Amino acid sequence: MYHTFMFACEPFAVQYPDRCRSVEGKLIEDAVEELSAAATSGSWSGTAGEPMPRDLETREAARRVLAGLSRLSPACALYAEVLKDAERRIARSIEEGKRLDEED
């Protein structure tokens, strides 16, 4: 499951953007984009109108990693983007739940 890679292989995911920076600045953007795409794509399952378990797990894992990272770390942008995506999906699920409740 690609979406868990950056958490299952956290040391690599944290060090990879930093290594890219030492080669060429543009590579950081590419690394963050590719790892972020893997973490935020795929399929979700859960109950309609409720946050998906995957999004809740991703939000908590991203928060945990970010708490231990320096804001200067290139990986900070990666985990912040993944956190933002999970929070956006959670908010959307909650809104969908409210709409479903209104229809009843």
PDB file of N, CA and C in Angstrom:
ATOM      1  N   MET A   1       0.846  -1.168   0.000  1.00  0.00           N
ATOM      2  CA  MET A   1       0.000   0.000   0.000  1.00  0.00           C
ATOM      3  C   MET A   1       0.894   1.235   0.000  1.00  0.00           C
ATOM      4  N   TYR A   2       0.833   1.929  -1.098  1.00  0.00           N
ATOM      5  CA  TYR A   2       1.705   3.080  -1.296  1.00  0.00           C
ATOM      6  C   TYR A   2       1.447   4.197  -0.294  1.00  0.00           C
ATOM      7  N   HIS A   3       0.202   4.358   0.123  1.00  0.00           N
ATOM      8  CA  HIS A   3      -0.119   5.484   0.997  1.00  0.00           C
ATOM      9  C   HIS A   3       0.517   5.375   2.379  1.00  0.00           C
ATOM     10  N   THR A   4       0.956   4.199   2.771  1.00  0.00           N
ATOM     11  CA  THR A   4       1.592   4.053   4.082  1.00  0.00           C
ATOM     12  C   THR A   4       3.119   4.093   4.008  1.00  0.00           C
ATOM     13  N   PHE A   5       3.662   4.155   2.805  1.00  0.00           N
ATOM     14  CA  PHE A   5       5.113   4.089   2.627  1.00  0.00           C
ATOM     15  C   PHE A   5       5.857   5.129   3.454  1.00  0.00           C
ATOM     16  N   MET A   6       5.418   6.381   3.388  1.00  0.00           N
ATOM     17  CA  MET A   6       6.173   7.444   4.061  1.00  0.00           C
ATOM     18  C   MET A   6       6.096   7.362   5.580  1.00  0.00           C
ATOM     19  N   PHE A   7       5.185   6.551   6.092  1.00  0.00           N
ATOM     20  CA  PHE A   7       5.130   6.322   7.533  1.00  0.00           C
ATOM     21  C   PHE A   7       5.842   5.021   7.896  1.00  0.00           C
ATOM     22  N   ALA A   8       5.674   4.005   7.077  1.00  0.00           N
ATOM     23  CA  ALA A   8       6.339   2.721   7.323  1.00  0.00           C
ATOM     24  C   ALA A   8       7.851   2.834   7.135  1.00  0.00           C
ATOM     25  N   CYS A   9       8.259   3.685   6.205  1.00  0.00           N
ATOM     26  CA  CYS A   9       9.685   3.902   5.910  1.00  0.00           C
ATOM     27  C   CYS A   9      10.053   5.342   6.244  1.00  0.00           C
ATOM     28  N   GLU A  10       9.629   5.776   7.420  1.00  0.00           N
ATOM     29  CA  GLU A  10       9.812   7.166   7.830  1.00  0.00           C
ATOM     30  C   GLU A  10      11.250   7.668   7.735  1.00  0.00           C
ATOM     31  N   PRO A  11      12.248   6.931   8.193  1.00  0.00           N
ATOM     32  CA  PRO A  11      13.616   7.457   8.076  1.00  0.00           C
ATOM     33  C   PRO A  11      13.989   7.786   6.624  1.00  0.00           C
ATOM     34  N   PHE A  12      13.609   6.914   5.705  1.00  0.00           N
ATOM     35  CA  PHE A  12      13.897   7.180   4.295  1.00  0.00           C
ATOM     36  C   PHE A  12      13.133   8.409   3.814  1.00  0.00           C
ATOM     37  N   ALA A  13      11.827   8.465   4.118  1.00  0.00           N
ATOM     38  CA  ALA A  13      10.996   9.570   3.641  1.00  0.00           C
ATOM     39  C   ALA A  13      11.454  10.911   4.203  1.00  0.00           C
ATOM     40  N   VAL A  14      12.023  10.908   5.391  1.00  0.00           N
ATOM     41  CA  VAL A  14      12.532  12.149   5.990  1.00  0.00           C
ATOM     42  C   VAL A  14      13.880  12.525   5.378  1.00  0.00           C
ATOM     43  N   GLN A  15      14.737  11.548   5.148  1.00  0.00           N
ATOM     44  CA  GLN A  15      16.082  11.830   4.640  1.00  0.00           C
ATOM     45  C   GLN A  15      16.124  12.078   3.132  1.00  0.00           C
ATOM     46  N   TYR A  16      15.224  11.464   2.392  1.00  0.00           N
ATOM     47  CA  TYR A  16      15.254  11.564   0.930  1.00  0.00           C
ATOM     48  C   TYR A  16      15.188  13.012   0.429  1.00  0.00           C
ATOM     49  N   PRO A  17      14.221  13.830   0.869  1.00  0.00           N
ATOM     50  CA  PRO A  17      14.215  15.221   0.401  1.00  0.00           C
ATOM     51  C   PRO A  17      15.485  15.983   0.785  1.00  0.00           C
ATOM     52  N   ASP A  18      16.045  15.666   1.945  1.00  0.00           N
ATOM     53  CA  ASP A  18      17.277  16.322   2.374  1.00  0.00           C
ATOM     54  C   ASP A  18      18.435  15.951   1.449  1.00  0.00           C
ATOM     55  N   ARG A  19      18.503  14.692   1.066  1.00  0.00           N
ATOM     56  CA  ARG A  19      19.544  14.244   0.120  1.00  0.00           C
ATOM     57  C   ARG A  19      19.346  14.919  -1.231  1.00  0.00           C
ATOM     58  N   CYS A  20      18.100  15.068  -1.637  1.00  0.00           N
ATOM     59  CA  CYS A  20      17.811  15.742  -2.911  1.00  0.00           C
ATOM     60  C   CYS A  20      18.311  17.182  -2.883  1.00  0.00           C
ATOM     61  N   ARG A  21      18.154  17.836  -1.732  1.00  0.00           N
ATOM     62  CA  ARG A  21      18.602  19.223  -1.599  1.00  0.00           C
ATOM     63  C   ARG A  21      20.104  19.331  -1.830  1.00  0.00           C
ATOM     64  N   SER A  22      20.854  18.331  -1.391  1.00  0.00           N
ATOM     65  CA  SER A  22      22.307  18.389  -1.554  1.00  0.00           C
ATOM     66  C   SER A  22      22.730  18.207  -3.011  1.00  0.00           C
ATOM     67  N   VAL A  23      21.843  17.657  -3.840  1.00  0.00           N
ATOM     68  CA  VAL A  23      22.153  17.479  -5.262  1.00  0.00           C
ATOM     69  C   VAL A  23      21.683  18.682  -6.062  1.00  0.00           C
ATOM     70  N   GLU A  24      20.390  19.019  -5.907  1.00  0.00           N
ATOM     71  CA  GLU A  24      19.814  20.141  -6.654  1.00  0.00           C
ATOM     72  C   GLU A  24      18.497  20.538  -6.001  1.00  0.00           C
ATOM     73  N   GLY A  25      18.286  21.816  -5.819  1.00  0.00           N
ATOM     74  CA  GLY A  25      17.088  22.317  -5.155  1.00  0.00           C
ATOM     75  C   GLY A  25      15.786  21.858  -5.782  1.00  0.00           C
ATOM     76  N   LYS A  26      15.727  21.803  -7.092  1.00  0.00           N
ATOM     77  CA  LYS A  26      14.502  21.401  -7.795  1.00  0.00           C
ATOM     78  C   LYS A  26      14.105  19.971  -7.431  1.00  0.00           C
ATOM     79  N   LEU A  27      15.070  19.151  -7.122  1.00  0.00           N
ATOM     80  CA  LEU A  27      14.778  17.761  -6.784  1.00  0.00           C
ATOM     81  C   LEU A  27      13.949  17.641  -5.508  1.00  0.00           C
ATOM     82  N   ILE A  28      14.061  18.608  -4.612  1.00  0.00           N
ATOM     83  CA  ILE A  28      13.247  18.587  -3.390  1.00  0.00           C
ATOM     84  C   ILE A  28      11.772  18.637  -3.764  1.00  0.00           C
ATOM     85  N   GLU A  29      11.424  19.570  -4.651  1.00  0.00           N
ATOM     86  CA  GLU A  29      10.029  19.697  -5.085  1.00  0.00           C
ATOM     87  C   GLU A  29       9.537  18.399  -5.701  1.00  0.00           C
ATOM     88  N   ASP A  30      10.360  17.804  -6.545  1.00  0.00           N
ATOM     89  CA  ASP A  30       9.984  16.538  -7.185  1.00  0.00           C
ATOM     90  C   ASP A  30       9.785  15.437  -6.151  1.00  0.00           C
ATOM     91  N   ALA A  31      10.692  15.342  -5.198  1.00  0.00           N
ATOM     92  CA  ALA A  31      10.602  14.304  -4.169  1.00  0.00           C
ATOM     93  C   ALA A  31       9.342  14.480  -3.327  1.00  0.00           C
ATOM     94  N   VAL A  32       9.087  15.709  -2.904  1.00  0.00           N
ATOM     95  CA  VAL A  32       7.904  15.988  -2.093  1.00  0.00           C
ATOM     96  C   VAL A  32       6.637  15.689  -2.889  1.00  0.00           C
ATOM     97  N   GLU A  33       6.617  16.096  -4.140  1.00  0.00           N
ATOM     98  CA  GLU A  33       5.444  15.866  -4.989  1.00  0.00           C
ATOM     99  C   GLU A  33       5.165  14.373  -5.170  1.00  0.00           C
ATOM    100  N   GLU A  34       6.201  13.608  -5.458  1.00  0.00           N
ATOM    101  CA  GLU A  34       6.012  12.176  -5.710  1.00  0.00           C
ATOM    102  C   GLU A  34       5.621  11.417  -4.438  1.00  0.00           C
ATOM    103  N   LEU A  35       6.289  11.681  -3.343  1.00  0.00           N
ATOM    104  CA  LEU A  35       5.940  10.995  -2.096  1.00  0.00           C
ATOM    105  C   LEU A  35       4.554  11.413  -1.605  1.00  0.00           C
ATOM    106  N   SER A  36       4.227  12.684  -1.779  1.00  0.00           N
ATOM    107  CA  SER A  36       2.911  13.174  -1.392  1.00  0.00           C
ATOM    108  C   SER A  36       1.822  12.536  -2.246  1.00  0.00           C
ATOM    109  N   ALA A  37       2.076  12.416  -3.547  1.00  0.00           N
ATOM    110  CA  ALA A  37       1.097  11.790  -4.439  1.00  0.00           C
ATOM    111  C   ALA A  37       0.836  10.347  -4.027  1.00  0.00           C
ATOM    112  N   ALA A  38       1.882   9.637  -3.667  1.00  0.00           N
ATOM    113  CA  ALA A  38       1.713   8.246  -3.233  1.00  0.00           C
ATOM    114  C   ALA A  38       0.894   8.176  -1.949  1.00  0.00           C
ATOM    115  N   ALA A  39       1.129   9.114  -1.050  1.00  0.00           N
ATOM    116  CA  ALA A  39       0.446   9.092   0.244  1.00  0.00           C
ATOM    117  C   ALA A  39      -1.009   9.530   0.154  1.00  0.00           C
ATOM    118  N   THR A  40      -1.348  10.306  -0.869  1.00  0.00           N
ATOM    119  CA  THR A  40      -2.702  10.864  -0.952  1.00  0.00           C
ATOM    120  C   THR A  40      -3.528  10.259  -2.076  1.00  0.00           C
ATOM    121  N   SER A  41      -3.060   9.181  -2.674  1.00  0.00           N
ATOM    122  CA  SER A  41      -3.831   8.541  -3.742  1.00  0.00           C
ATOM    123  C   SER A  41      -4.215   7.132  -3.319  1.00  0.00           C
ATOM    124  N   GLY A  42      -5.042   6.514  -4.108  1.00  0.00           N
ATOM    125  CA  GLY A  42      -5.473   5.153  -3.815  1.00  0.00           C
ATOM    126  C   GLY A  42      -6.945   5.109  -3.494  1.00  0.00           C
ATOM    127  N   SER A  43      -7.356   4.079  -2.812  1.00  0.00           N
ATOM    128  CA  SER A  43      -8.773   3.919  -2.498  1.00  0.00           C
ATOM    129  C   SER A  43      -9.006   4.061  -0.998  1.00  0.00           C
ATOM    130  N   TRP A  44     -10.216   4.451  -0.668  1.00  0.00           N
ATOM    131  CA  TRP A  44     -10.632   4.640   0.713  1.00  0.00           C
ATOM    132  C   TRP A  44     -11.861   3.784   0.954  1.00  0.00           C
ATOM    133  N   SER A  45     -12.034   3.360   2.174  1.00  0.00           N
ATOM    134  CA  SER A  45     -13.263   2.655   2.530  1.00  0.00           C
ATOM    135  C   SER A  45     -13.664   3.060   3.936  1.00  0.00           C
ATOM    136  N   GLY A  46     -14.944   3.074   4.143  1.00  0.00           N
ATOM    137  CA  GLY A  46     -15.472   3.457   5.439  1.00  0.00           C
ATOM    138  C   GLY A  46     -16.956   3.720   5.331  1.00  0.00           C
ATOM    139  N   THR A  47     -17.502   4.346   6.326  1.00  0.00           N
ATOM    140  CA  THR A  47     -18.924   4.650   6.375  1.00  0.00           C
ATOM    141  C   THR A  47     -19.166   6.024   5.777  1.00  0.00           C
ATOM    142  N   ALA A  48     -20.137   6.095   4.860  1.00  0.00           N
ATOM    143  CA  ALA A  48     -20.473   7.379   4.234  1.00  0.00           C
ATOM    144  C   ALA A  48     -20.879   8.387   5.304  1.00  0.00           C
ATOM    145  N   GLY A  49     -20.368   9.592   5.170  1.00  0.00           N
ATOM    146  CA  GLY A  49     -20.704  10.650   6.109  1.00  0.00           C
ATOM    147  C   GLY A  49     -19.843  10.686   7.354  1.00  0.00           C
ATOM    148  N   GLU A  50     -18.913   9.760   7.467  1.00  0.00           N
ATOM    149  CA  GLU A  50     -17.980   9.746   8.590  1.00  0.00           C
ATOM    150  C   GLU A  50     -16.560   9.801   8.043  1.00  0.00           C
ATOM    151  N   PRO A  51     -15.637  10.383   8.803  1.00  0.00           N
ATOM    152  CA  PRO A  51     -14.247  10.398   8.335  1.00  0.00           C
ATOM    153  C   PRO A  51     -13.752   8.978   8.071  1.00  0.00           C
ATOM    154  N   MET A  52     -13.019   8.822   6.999  1.00  0.00           N
ATOM    155  CA  MET A  52     -12.477   7.519   6.645  1.00  0.00           C
ATOM    156  C   MET A  52     -11.356   7.155   7.626  1.00  0.00           C
ATOM    157  N   PRO A  53     -11.310   5.906   8.066  1.00  0.00           N
ATOM    158  CA  PRO A  53     -10.250   5.486   8.991  1.00  0.00           C
ATOM    159  C   PRO A  53      -8.852   5.808   8.462  1.00  0.00           C
ATOM    160  N   ARG A  54      -8.664   5.644   7.165  1.00  0.00           N
ATOM    161  CA  ARG A  54      -7.350   5.938   6.578  1.00  0.00           C
ATOM    162  C   ARG A  54      -6.971   7.400   6.793  1.00  0.00           C
ATOM    163  N   ASP A  55      -7.935   8.304   6.621  1.00  0.00           N
ATOM    164  CA  ASP A  55      -7.648   9.729   6.805  1.00  0.00           C
ATOM    165  C   ASP A  55      -7.329  10.048   8.260  1.00  0.00           C
ATOM    166  N   LEU A  56      -8.049   9.435   9.176  1.00  0.00           N
ATOM    167  CA  LEU A  56      -7.778   9.658  10.604  1.00  0.00           C
ATOM    168  C   LEU A  56      -6.387   9.150  10.978  1.00  0.00           C
ATOM    169  N   GLU A  57      -6.036   7.976  10.471  1.00  0.00           N
ATOM    170  CA  GLU A  57      -4.708   7.416  10.744  1.00  0.00           C
ATOM    171  C   GLU A  57      -3.610   8.283  10.132  1.00  0.00           C
ATOM    172  N   THR A  58      -3.836   8.742   8.904  1.00  0.00           N
ATOM    173  CA  THR A  58      -2.846   9.581   8.226  1.00  0.00           C
ATOM    174  C   THR A  58      -2.651  10.893   8.971  1.00  0.00           C
ATOM    175  N   ARG A  59      -3.756  11.495   9.410  1.00  0.00           N
ATOM    176  CA  ARG A  59      -3.661  12.763  10.144  1.00  0.00           C
ATOM    177  C   ARG A  59      -2.819  12.593  11.400  1.00  0.00           C
ATOM    178  N   GLU A  60      -3.088  11.546  12.159  1.00  0.00           N
ATOM    179  CA  GLU A  60      -2.347  11.333  13.403  1.00  0.00           C
ATOM    180  C   GLU A  60      -0.881  11.007  13.140  1.00  0.00           C
ATOM    181  N   ALA A  61      -0.617  10.193  12.131  1.00  0.00           N
ATOM    182  CA  ALA A  61       0.772   9.840  11.810  1.00  0.00           C
ATOM    183  C   ALA A  61       1.548  11.067  11.330  1.00  0.00           C
ATOM    184  N   ALA A  62       0.923  11.884  10.494  1.00  0.00           N
ATOM    185  CA  ALA A  62       1.594  13.088   9.992  1.00  0.00           C
ATOM    186  C   ALA A  62       1.871  14.065  11.137  1.00  0.00           C
ATOM    187  N   ARG A  63       0.918  14.220  12.031  1.00  0.00           N
ATOM    188  CA  ARG A  63       1.136  15.098  13.194  1.00  0.00           C
ATOM    189  C   ARG A  63       2.306  14.608  14.041  1.00  0.00           C
ATOM    190  N   ARG A  64       2.366  13.294  14.234  1.00  0.00           N
ATOM    191  CA  ARG A  64       3.443  12.713  15.044  1.00  0.00           C
ATOM    192  C   ARG A  64       4.804  12.987  14.411  1.00  0.00           C
ATOM    193  N   VAL A  65       4.909  12.774  13.102  1.00  0.00           N
ATOM    194  CA  VAL A  65       6.189  12.990  12.421  1.00  0.00           C
ATOM    195  C   VAL A  65       6.544  14.470  12.442  1.00  0.00           C
ATOM    196  N   LEU A  66       5.574  15.328  12.140  1.00  0.00           N
ATOM    197  CA  LEU A  66       5.840  16.771  12.124  1.00  0.00           C
ATOM    198  C   LEU A  66       6.305  17.279  13.488  1.00  0.00           C
ATOM    199  N   ALA A  67       5.786  16.714  14.552  1.00  0.00           N
ATOM    200  CA  ALA A  67       6.182  17.143  15.899  1.00  0.00           C
ATOM    201  C   ALA A  67       7.662  16.894  16.156  1.00  0.00           C
ATOM    202  N   GLY A  68       8.240  15.934  15.455  1.00  0.00           N
ATOM    203  CA  GLY A  68       9.651  15.614  15.653  1.00  0.00           C
ATOM    204  C   GLY A  68      10.583  16.192  14.611  1.00  0.00           C
ATOM    205  N   LEU A  69      10.027  16.909  13.632  1.00  0.00           N
ATOM    206  CA  LEU A  69      10.855  17.471  12.559  1.00  0.00           C
ATOM    207  C   LEU A  69      11.176  18.939  12.797  1.00  0.00           C
ATOM    208  N   SER A  70      12.332  19.339  12.337  1.00  0.00           N
ATOM    209  CA  SER A  70      12.668  20.758  12.296  1.00  0.00           C
ATOM    210  C   SER A  70      11.863  21.401  11.176  1.00  0.00           C
ATOM    211  N   ARG A  71      11.406  22.605  11.385  1.00  0.00           N
ATOM    212  CA  ARG A  71      10.672  23.318  10.329  1.00  0.00           C
ATOM    213  C   ARG A  71      11.559  23.598   9.122  1.00  0.00           C
ATOM    214  N   LEU A  72      12.861  23.506   9.300  1.00  0.00           N
ATOM    215  CA  LEU A  72      13.797  23.726   8.199  1.00  0.00           C
ATOM    216  C   LEU A  72      14.013  22.473   7.359  1.00  0.00           C
ATOM    217  N   SER A  73      13.548  21.344   7.847  1.00  0.00           N
ATOM    218  CA  SER A  73      13.706  20.093   7.114  1.00  0.00           C
ATOM    219  C   SER A  73      12.840  20.106   5.861  1.00  0.00           C
ATOM    220  N   PRO A  74      13.392  19.713   4.707  1.00  0.00           N
ATOM    221  CA  PRO A  74      12.576  19.625   3.496  1.00  0.00           C
ATOM    222  C   PRO A  74      11.413  18.646   3.655  1.00  0.00           C
ATOM    223  N   ALA A  75      11.552  17.665   4.533  1.00  0.00           N
ATOM    224  CA  ALA A  75      10.476  16.696   4.755  1.00  0.00           C
ATOM    225  C   ALA A  75       9.278  17.337   5.447  1.00  0.00           C
ATOM    226  N   CYS A  76       9.488  18.464   6.089  1.00  0.00           N
ATOM    227  CA  CYS A  76       8.397  19.156   6.766  1.00  0.00           C
ATOM    228  C   CYS A  76       7.301  19.517   5.765  1.00  0.00           C
ATOM    229  N   ALA A  77       7.670  19.985   4.590  1.00  0.00           N
ATOM    230  CA  ALA A  77       6.688  20.326   3.551  1.00  0.00           C
ATOM    231  C   ALA A  77       5.912  19.092   3.112  1.00  0.00           C
ATOM    232  N   LEU A  78       6.593  17.981   3.022  1.00  0.00           N
ATOM    233  CA  LEU A  78       5.959  16.726   2.617  1.00  0.00           C
ATOM    234  C   LEU A  78       4.887  16.306   3.620  1.00  0.00           C
ATOM    235  N   TYR A  79       5.260  16.211   4.868  1.00  0.00           N
ATOM    236  CA  TYR A  79       4.307  15.758   5.879  1.00  0.00           C
ATOM    237  C   TYR A  79       3.212  16.795   6.119  1.00  0.00           C
ATOM    238  N   ALA A  80       3.522  18.068   5.969  1.00  0.00           N
ATOM    239  CA  ALA A  80       2.500  19.110   6.107  1.00  0.00           C
ATOM    240  C   ALA A  80       1.468  18.994   4.994  1.00  0.00           C
ATOM    241  N   GLU A  81       1.909  18.702   3.788  1.00  0.00           N
ATOM    242  CA  GLU A  81       0.986  18.538   2.661  1.00  0.00           C
ATOM    243  C   GLU A  81       0.082  17.329   2.871  1.00  0.00           C
ATOM    244  N   VAL A  82       0.640  16.242   3.343  1.00  0.00           N
ATOM    245  CA  VAL A  82      -0.149  15.033   3.598  1.00  0.00           C
ATOM    246  C   VAL A  82      -1.146  15.287   4.737  1.00  0.00           C
ATOM    247  N   LEU A  83      -0.716  15.998   5.767  1.00  0.00           N
ATOM    248  CA  LEU A  83      -1.611  16.353   6.867  1.00  0.00           C
ATOM    249  C   LEU A  83      -2.761  17.214   6.355  1.00  0.00           C
ATOM    250  N   LYS A  84      -2.438  18.204   5.551  1.00  0.00           N
ATOM    251  CA  LYS A  84      -3.460  19.095   5.002  1.00  0.00           C
ATOM    252  C   LYS A  84      -4.481  18.317   4.175  1.00  0.00           C
ATOM    253  N   ASP A  85      -4.010  17.376   3.371  1.00  0.00           N
ATOM    254  CA  ASP A  85      -4.911  16.566   2.557  1.00  0.00           C
ATOM    255  C   ASP A  85      -5.833  15.725   3.444  1.00  0.00           C
ATOM    256  N   ALA A  86      -5.284  15.100   4.475  1.00  0.00           N
ATOM    257  CA  ALA A  86      -6.104  14.281   5.380  1.00  0.00           C
ATOM    258  C   ALA A  86      -7.148  15.143   6.086  1.00  0.00           C
ATOM    259  N   GLU A  87      -6.749  16.320   6.550  1.00  0.00           N
ATOM    260  CA  GLU A  87      -7.697  17.212   7.225  1.00  0.00           C
ATOM    261  C   GLU A  87      -8.788  17.679   6.274  1.00  0.00           C
ATOM    262  N   ARG A  88      -8.433  17.936   5.031  1.00  0.00           N
ATOM    263  CA  ARG A  88      -9.408  18.353   4.020  1.00  0.00           C
ATOM    264  C   ARG A  88     -10.421  17.222   3.773  1.00  0.00           C
ATOM    265  N   ARG A  89      -9.934  16.000   3.664  1.00  0.00           N
ATOM    266  CA  ARG A  89     -10.823  14.857   3.434  1.00  0.00           C
ATOM    267  C   ARG A  89     -11.727  14.603   4.647  1.00  0.00           C
ATOM    268  N   ILE A  90     -11.190  14.749   5.832  1.00  0.00           N
ATOM    269  CA  ILE A  90     -11.991  14.572   7.049  1.00  0.00           C
ATOM    270  C   ILE A  90     -13.103  15.611   7.099  1.00  0.00           C
ATOM    271  N   ALA A  91     -12.773  16.862   6.835  1.00  0.00           N
ATOM    272  CA  ALA A  91     -13.777  17.932   6.839  1.00  0.00           C
ATOM    273  C   ALA A  91     -14.852  17.664   5.786  1.00  0.00           C
ATOM    274  N   ARG A  92     -14.435  17.198   4.612  1.00  0.00           N
ATOM    275  CA  ARG A  92     -15.394  16.896   3.546  1.00  0.00           C
ATOM    276  C   ARG A  92     -16.330  15.762   3.976  1.00  0.00           C
ATOM    277  N   SER A  93     -15.800  14.744   4.617  1.00  0.00           N
ATOM    278  CA  SER A  93     -16.628  13.626   5.086  1.00  0.00           C
ATOM    279  C   SER A  93     -17.644  14.092   6.122  1.00  0.00           C
ATOM    280  N   ILE A  94     -17.222  14.958   7.016  1.00  0.00           N
ATOM    281  CA  ILE A  94     -18.129  15.481   8.039  1.00  0.00           C
ATOM    282  C   ILE A  94     -19.238  16.297   7.393  1.00  0.00           C
ATOM    283  N   GLU A  95     -18.889  17.120   6.413  1.00  0.00           N
ATOM    284  CA  GLU A  95     -19.897  17.910   5.692  1.00  0.00           C
ATOM    285  C   GLU A  95     -20.879  17.001   4.960  1.00  0.00           C
ATOM    286  N   GLU A  96     -20.375  15.950   4.340  1.00  0.00           N
ATOM    287  CA  GLU A  96     -21.250  14.995   3.657  1.00  0.00           C
ATOM    288  C   GLU A  96     -22.194  14.337   4.655  1.00  0.00           C
ATOM    289  N   GLY A  97     -21.696  14.033   5.839  1.00  0.00           N
ATOM    290  CA  GLY A  97     -22.532  13.451   6.884  1.00  0.00           C
ATOM    291  C   GLY A  97     -23.651  14.388   7.301  1.00  0.00           C
ATOM    292  N   LYS A  98     -23.344  15.673   7.414  1.00  0.00           N
ATOM    293  CA  LYS A  98     -24.365  16.660   7.768  1.00  0.00           C
ATOM    294  C   LYS A  98     -25.431  16.730   6.687  1.00  0.00           C
ATOM    295  N   ARG A  99     -24.998  16.703   5.422  1.00  0.00           N
ATOM    296  CA  ARG A  99     -25.963  16.747   4.315  1.00  0.00           C
ATOM    297  C   ARG A  99     -26.842  15.498   4.317  1.00  0.00           C
ATOM    298  N   LEU A 100     -26.245  14.352   4.594  1.00  0.00           N
ATOM    299  CA  LEU A 100     -27.026  13.111   4.654  1.00  0.00           C
ATOM    300  C   LEU A 100     -28.047  13.168   5.789  1.00  0.00           C
ATOM    301  N   ASP A 101     -27.656  13.731   6.932  1.00  0.00           N
ATOM    302  CA  ASP A 101     -28.579  13.859   8.062  1.00  0.00           C
ATOM    303  C   ASP A 101     -29.738  14.788   7.727  1.00  0.00           C
ATOM    304  N   GLU A 102     -29.459  15.858   6.979  1.00  0.00           N
ATOM    305  CA  GLU A 102     -30.502  16.811   6.597  1.00  0.00           C
ATOM    306  C   GLU A 102     -31.505  16.185   5.643  1.00  0.00           C
ATOM    307  N   GLU A 103     -31.047  15.233   4.834  1.00  0.00           N
ATOM    308  CA  GLU A 103     -31.929  14.582   3.869  1.00  0.00           C
ATOM    309  C   GLU A 103     -32.895  13.621   4.545  1.00  0.00           C
ATOM    310  N   ASP A 104     -32.545  13.131   5.718  1.00  0.00           N
ATOM    311  CA  ASP A 104     -33.409  12.156   6.414  1.00  0.00           C
ATOM    312  C   ASP A 104     -34.645  12.773   6.964  1.00  0.00           C
TER     313      ASP A 104
END
